Amino acid sequence: MKTTREWIFVAVLVSAAVGAALLQAGDALSEPVQRAAISAPMTASAAAGNGAAAAVVQINGVPLARSTLEQAVAASGQPDTPALRAAVQERLVTRELLRQAAVAAKLGDAPEVQRAVEQVRVDTQIRLYLERELHPAPVNDAQVRERYDASVAELGPVEYKPSLIGVVDEAHAREVMAMLKTGVPFDVVARQKSLAPSRGVGGELPWVSFRTPLREGHTMGLVLPLAQLLTTMKVGEVAQLPVRDGIAVVRLDAKRPTYVVPFDVAQGLARQELQTQERNAALASLVRRLRDQAVLTQ
């Protein structure tokens, strides 16, 4: 189970800002197409190595290799259509124009570029080393079924949908409650006042379910007092919960009978979680071995 600080439910918010200049050039594309075009190996040396004869277009004399376009289209993860190819090609052309302009501005030796090159070099070395040396234990079908059954066994008859605002003390909790009483929407208050990771989504937390009687460590990542509180609340009710690091202002948004995802649907995720666990275990073992062999000096 994933846990954070006592009053915070884990909420992972992913934000990516890739190639801002490219994202504003031409018609908007879906993120997979943008990423594919941005990550394609379109450099002058790489393109020249493929030869102008294999190019789909030349940009100020630098060929865009057909193989580069093919790789970018494949990497987009979208159906290969003429429209997709045209969009990806336009992105690659834009990328090459920007690269040429940066070279002309003599930015190739800029400290930021050198640091980025070194970072890519190190990251690639580490990735190749791990591919060679990391050998996580395989995950079999029986383990997948066991993980699924264990997860289902943790579920109770009811699912709860909470939202949470985390504050540091009673004074801030009173301020939050006063705003709510005046009609300010819960999600607005959460974005303004909450210290919890879920503030970016208005305090909203995922659906959770617990077997009764409730036990520590069996509450889907919530601390036991919060799980106990949810089981006693009415839909729409707001309550405060003192916790170690402050005050949690909690609202029960909805509840419903628990829906158990069938094994055939859930087994892929269960397998992926187990594989991640095995990989993390193998990585931890490898790092311990390296540290045991290392000489660290202050």
Protein backbone atom coordinates (compact mmCIF):
# COMPACT_ATOMS: atom_id res chain seq x y z
CA MET A 1 0.00 0.00 0.00
CA LYS A 2 1.14 3.51 -0.69
CA THR A 3 1.19 5.96 2.21
CA THR A 4 2.35 9.53 2.70
CA ARG A 5 2.23 11.79 5.69
CA GLU A 6 -0.47 10.72 8.13
CA TRP A 7 -3.22 12.98 6.86
CA ILE A 8 -2.43 12.81 3.17
CA PHE A 9 -3.70 10.23 0.71
CA VAL A 10 -1.28 9.63 -2.12
CA ALA A 11 -2.24 11.55 -5.23
CA VAL A 12 0.11 11.48 -8.17
CA LEU A 13 -0.21 14.46 -10.43
CA VAL A 14 1.87 14.30 -13.54
CA SER A 15 2.68 17.44 -15.47
CA ALA A 16 4.88 17.47 -18.56
CA ALA A 17 6.13 20.52 -20.47
CA VAL A 18 8.01 19.15 -23.45
CA GLY A 19 9.29 21.29 -26.28
CA ALA A 20 7.37 24.47 -25.58
CA ALA A 21 8.52 26.16 -28.76
CA LEU A 22 7.38 23.21 -30.84
CA LEU A 23 4.02 22.98 -29.15
CA GLN A 24 3.19 26.47 -30.36
CA ALA A 25 4.29 25.94 -33.96
CA GLY A 26 1.62 24.86 -36.46
CA ASP A 27 -1.65 23.15 -35.65
CA ALA A 28 -1.98 21.50 -32.25
CA LEU A 29 -1.21 17.78 -32.13
CA SER A 30 -1.97 15.17 -29.56
CA GLU A 31 0.73 14.63 -26.93
CA PRO A 32 1.96 11.30 -28.40
CA VAL A 33 2.64 12.98 -31.74
CA GLN A 34 4.40 15.89 -30.08
CA ARG A 35 6.61 13.59 -28.04
CA ALA A 36 7.42 11.43 -31.03
CA ALA A 37 8.46 14.40 -33.11
CA ILE A 38 10.46 16.02 -30.33
CA SER A 39 12.35 12.85 -29.44
CA ALA A 40 13.15 11.81 -33.02
CA PRO A 41 16.93 11.66 -33.75
CA MET A 42 16.94 14.49 -36.27
CA THR A 43 20.45 15.91 -36.17
CA ALA A 44 22.54 17.06 -39.07
CA SER A 45 25.07 14.24 -38.67
CA ALA A 46 22.41 11.56 -38.28
CA ALA A 47 20.48 12.82 -41.27
CA ALA A 48 23.60 13.10 -43.43
CA GLY A 49 24.48 9.52 -42.56
CA ASN A 50 21.22 8.36 -44.07
CA GLY A 51 21.90 10.19 -47.30
CA ALA A 52 19.88 12.76 -49.18
CA ALA A 53 18.46 10.07 -51.45
CA ALA A 54 16.53 8.58 -48.52
CA ALA A 55 15.24 11.96 -47.39
CA VAL A 56 11.60 12.97 -47.49
CA VAL A 57 12.57 16.65 -47.44
CA GLN A 58 15.67 18.79 -47.06
CA ILE A 59 15.77 21.69 -44.63
CA ASN A 60 18.40 24.20 -45.71
CA GLY A 61 20.36 21.30 -47.18
CA VAL A 62 19.93 18.99 -44.18
CA PRO A 63 17.94 15.88 -45.13
CA LEU A 64 15.10 14.58 -43.03
CA ALA A 65 15.63 10.86 -43.36
CA ARG A 66 12.64 8.69 -44.18
CA SER A 67 13.71 6.33 -41.39
CA THR A 68 13.49 9.22 -38.90
CA LEU A 69 9.95 9.98 -40.01
CA GLU A 70 9.03 6.29 -39.78
CA GLN A 71 10.40 6.07 -36.23
CA ALA A 72 8.53 9.20 -35.15
CA VAL A 73 5.25 7.97 -36.62
CA ALA A 74 5.65 4.61 -34.88
CA ALA A 75 6.57 6.28 -31.60
CA SER A 76 3.38 8.36 -31.66
CA GLY A 77 1.33 5.26 -30.89
CA GLN A 78 -1.40 6.45 -33.24
CA PRO A 79 -2.77 4.86 -36.42
CA ASP A 80 -0.50 5.51 -39.41
CA THR A 81 -2.43 7.86 -41.67
CA PRO A 82 -1.41 10.48 -44.25
CA ALA A 83 -2.63 13.20 -41.88
CA LEU A 84 -0.51 11.85 -39.05
CA ARG A 85 2.57 11.60 -41.27
CA ALA A 86 2.10 15.16 -42.47
CA ALA A 87 1.72 16.43 -38.92
CA VAL A 88 4.77 14.54 -37.63
CA GLN A 89 6.85 15.66 -40.60
CA GLU A 90 5.89 19.27 -39.96
CA ARG A 91 7.01 18.91 -36.34
CA LEU A 92 10.32 17.42 -37.41
CA VAL A 93 10.90 20.23 -39.89
CA THR A 94 10.12 22.80 -37.21
CA ARG A 95 12.50 21.06 -34.81
CA GLU A 96 15.30 21.09 -37.38
CA LEU A 97 14.73 24.77 -38.20
CA LEU A 98 14.99 25.61 -34.50
CA ARG A 99 18.11 23.46 -34.17
CA GLN A 100 19.77 25.21 -37.08
CA ALA A 101 18.88 28.61 -35.66
CA ALA A 102 20.37 27.61 -32.29
CA VAL A 103 23.58 26.46 -33.98
CA ALA A 104 23.77 29.69 -35.95
CA ALA A 105 23.43 31.57 -32.68
CA LYS A 106 26.49 29.61 -31.43
CA LEU A 107 24.58 27.98 -28.60
CA GLY A 108 26.06 24.54 -29.19
CA ASP A 109 28.78 25.12 -26.59
CA ALA A 110 26.57 26.92 -24.09
CA PRO A 111 27.01 25.61 -20.51
CA GLU A 112 23.36 24.56 -20.40
CA VAL A 113 23.85 22.44 -23.53
CA GLN A 114 27.00 20.83 -22.15
CA ARG A 115 25.26 19.99 -18.89
CA ALA A 116 22.35 18.49 -20.79
CA VAL A 117 24.70 16.41 -22.95
CA GLU A 118 26.52 15.14 -19.89
CA GLN A 119 23.23 14.28 -18.19
CA VAL A 120 22.05 12.30 -21.21
CA ARG A 121 25.40 10.50 -21.37
CA VAL A 122 25.24 9.52 -17.71
CA ASP A 123 21.58 8.49 -17.89
CA THR A 124 22.28 6.33 -20.94
CA GLN A 125 25.25 4.66 -19.27
CA ILE A 126 23.14 3.85 -16.21
CA ARG A 127 20.27 2.56 -18.32
CA LEU A 128 22.56 0.24 -20.29
CA TYR A 129 24.23 -0.98 -17.10
CA LEU A 130 20.89 -1.77 -15.49
CA GLU A 131 19.68 -3.56 -18.60
CA ARG A 132 22.75 -5.80 -18.37
CA GLU A 133 23.02 -6.29 -14.61
CA LEU A 134 19.45 -6.10 -13.32
CA HIS A 135 17.72 -9.46 -13.22
CA PRO A 136 14.37 -9.21 -11.42
CA ALA A 137 12.62 -12.43 -10.54
CA PRO A 138 9.95 -13.42 -13.07
CA VAL A 139 6.29 -13.07 -12.17
CA ASN A 140 4.10 -16.11 -12.76
CA ASP A 141 0.35 -16.49 -13.18
CA ALA A 142 -0.11 -17.87 -9.68
CA GLN A 143 1.46 -14.75 -8.17
CA VAL A 144 -0.80 -12.53 -10.25
CA ARG A 145 -3.87 -14.40 -9.07
CA GLU A 146 -2.67 -14.23 -5.47
CA ARG A 147 -2.16 -10.47 -5.72
CA TYR A 148 -5.64 -10.03 -7.21
CA ASP A 149 -7.29 -12.17 -4.55
CA ALA A 150 -5.45 -10.32 -1.78
CA SER A 151 -6.58 -6.97 -3.16
CA VAL A 152 -10.19 -8.09 -3.44
CA ALA A 153 -10.05 -9.42 0.11
CA GLU A 154 -9.22 -5.91 1.34
CA LEU A 155 -12.48 -4.49 -0.06
CA GLY A 156 -15.60 -3.94 1.98
CA PRO A 157 -19.22 -3.81 0.81
CA VAL A 158 -19.17 -0.02 0.32
CA GLU A 159 -16.91 2.36 -1.63
CA TYR A 160 -16.34 5.94 -0.44
CA LYS A 161 -15.36 8.99 -2.52
CA PRO A 162 -13.74 11.62 -0.27
CA SER A 163 -12.19 15.02 -0.78
CA LEU A 164 -9.64 16.47 1.62
CA ILE A 165 -8.13 19.81 2.58
CA GLY A 166 -5.01 19.59 4.71
CA VAL A 167 -4.01 22.55 6.90
CA VAL A 168 -1.42 23.03 9.62
CA ASP A 169 -3.52 24.12 12.60
CA GLU A 170 -6.93 24.94 14.06
CA ALA A 171 -6.79 28.56 12.93
CA HIS A 172 -6.43 27.55 9.30
CA ALA A 173 -9.10 24.89 9.70
CA ARG A 174 -11.53 27.52 11.03
CA GLU A 175 -10.72 29.71 8.04
CA VAL A 176 -11.45 26.83 5.68
CA MET A 177 -14.73 25.99 7.42
CA ALA A 178 -15.80 29.63 7.32
CA MET A 179 -15.17 29.78 3.57
CA LEU A 180 -17.18 26.61 3.05
CA LYS A 181 -20.07 27.92 5.15
CA THR A 182 -20.24 31.07 3.02
CA GLY A 183 -20.72 28.94 -0.08
CA VAL A 184 -17.22 28.80 -1.54
CA PRO A 185 -16.99 25.45 -3.37
CA PHE A 186 -14.88 22.79 -1.67
CA ASP A 187 -12.60 22.36 -4.67
CA VAL A 188 -11.92 26.10 -4.82
CA VAL A 189 -11.00 26.21 -1.13
CA ALA A 190 -8.79 23.14 -1.58
CA ARG A 191 -6.85 24.73 -4.41
CA GLN A 192 -6.34 27.90 -2.36
CA LYS A 193 -5.72 26.55 1.13
CA SER A 194 -4.81 22.87 1.14
CA LEU A 195 -1.28 21.65 1.71
CA ALA A 196 -2.10 18.11 0.53
CA PRO A 197 -0.89 16.85 -2.87
CA SER A 198 -4.52 16.60 -3.98
CA ARG A 199 -4.90 20.39 -3.89
CA GLY A 200 -4.29 20.51 -7.65
CA VAL A 201 -7.45 18.48 -8.27
CA GLY A 202 -9.56 20.35 -5.75
CA GLY A 203 -8.83 17.95 -2.90
CA GLU A 204 -10.45 15.03 -4.70
CA LEU A 205 -9.26 11.55 -3.67
CA PRO A 206 -9.86 8.19 -5.37
CA TRP A 207 -12.63 5.79 -4.45
CA VAL A 208 -11.68 3.67 -1.43
CA SER A 209 -13.18 0.64 0.30
CA PHE A 210 -12.32 -1.11 3.56
CA ARG A 211 -13.14 -4.39 5.21
CA THR A 212 -14.68 -4.13 8.65
CA PRO A 213 -13.60 -4.12 11.36
CA LEU A 214 -11.05 -1.60 10.17
CA ARG A 215 -7.41 -2.41 10.87
CA GLU A 216 -4.23 -0.37 10.64
CA GLY A 217 -2.46 -0.98 7.34
CA HIS A 218 -5.61 -2.24 5.61
CA THR A 219 -7.25 1.05 4.66
CA MET A 220 -6.02 1.58 1.07
CA GLY A 221 -3.35 4.07 2.11
CA LEU A 222 -5.53 6.20 4.36
CA VAL A 223 -4.64 6.55 8.01
CA LEU A 224 -6.96 4.55 10.22
CA PRO A 225 -8.77 7.55 11.84
CA LEU A 226 -9.62 8.95 8.41
CA ALA A 227 -10.96 5.62 7.20
CA GLN A 228 -13.03 5.29 10.38
CA LEU A 229 -14.41 8.79 9.89
CA LEU A 230 -15.51 8.10 6.32
CA THR A 231 -17.55 5.08 7.36
CA THR A 232 -19.60 7.24 9.73
CA MET A 233 -20.20 10.24 7.45
CA LYS A 234 -23.24 11.05 5.32
CA VAL A 235 -22.81 12.07 1.69
CA GLY A 236 -22.14 15.82 1.52
CA GLU A 237 -21.07 16.03 5.16
CA VAL A 238 -17.88 17.92 6.07
CA ALA A 239 -15.86 17.05 9.16
CA GLN A 240 -12.53 17.91 10.76
CA LEU A 241 -9.98 15.36 11.85
CA PRO A 242 -6.98 16.25 14.05
CA VAL A 243 -3.87 14.46 12.82
CA ARG A 244 -0.20 14.46 13.67
CA ASP A 245 0.76 17.18 11.20
CA GLY A 246 -2.30 19.40 11.45
CA ILE A 247 -5.98 19.24 10.61
CA ALA A 248 -7.72 17.37 7.81
CA VAL A 249 -11.00 18.88 6.60
CA VAL A 250 -12.82 16.02 4.92
CA ARG A 251 -15.95 15.85 2.78
CA LEU A 252 -17.68 12.64 1.72
CA ASP A 253 -18.63 13.26 -1.89
CA ALA A 254 -20.35 9.95 -2.63
CA LYS A 255 -20.65 6.32 -1.68
CA ARG A 256 -21.87 3.24 -3.51
CA PRO A 257 -21.82 -0.57 -3.38
CA THR A 258 -18.34 -1.86 -4.08
CA TYR A 259 -17.69 -2.97 -7.63
CA VAL A 260 -15.06 -5.69 -7.94
CA VAL A 261 -13.17 -5.52 -11.22
CA PRO A 262 -13.09 -9.00 -12.82
CA PHE A 263 -9.77 -10.83 -12.80
CA ASP A 264 -9.55 -10.86 -16.60
CA VAL A 265 -9.67 -7.06 -16.57
CA ALA A 266 -7.44 -6.49 -13.54
CA GLN A 267 -4.73 -9.09 -14.10
CA GLY A 268 -2.66 -6.86 -16.38
CA LEU A 269 -2.34 -4.19 -13.73
CA ALA A 270 -1.68 -6.76 -11.02
CA ARG A 271 1.12 -8.28 -13.09
CA GLN A 272 2.61 -4.87 -13.78
CA GLU A 273 2.62 -4.00 -10.07
CA LEU A 274 4.34 -7.27 -9.21
CA GLN A 275 6.93 -6.78 -11.94
CA THR A 276 7.62 -3.29 -10.62
CA GLN A 277 8.07 -4.69 -7.12
CA GLU A 278 10.51 -7.32 -8.36
CA ARG A 279 12.45 -4.76 -10.34
CA ASN A 280 12.65 -2.43 -7.35
CA ALA A 281 13.80 -5.30 -5.15
CA ALA A 282 16.50 -6.26 -7.65
CA LEU A 283 17.60 -2.65 -7.95
CA ALA A 284 17.80 -2.26 -4.17
CA SER A 285 19.90 -5.43 -3.94
CA LEU A 286 22.23 -4.21 -6.67
CA VAL A 287 22.67 -0.81 -5.03
CA ARG A 288 23.39 -2.44 -1.65
CA ARG A 289 26.08 -4.58 -3.27
CA LEU A 290 27.66 -1.58 -4.95
CA ARG A 291 27.62 0.40 -1.70
CA ASP A 292 29.18 -2.49 0.20
CA GLN A 293 32.01 -2.56 -2.31
CA ALA A 294 32.43 1.21 -2.44
CA VAL A 295 34.84 3.41 -0.50
CA LEU A 296 33.00 6.53 0.63
CA THR A 297 35.01 9.40 2.10
CA GLN A 298 33.81 12.66 3.57
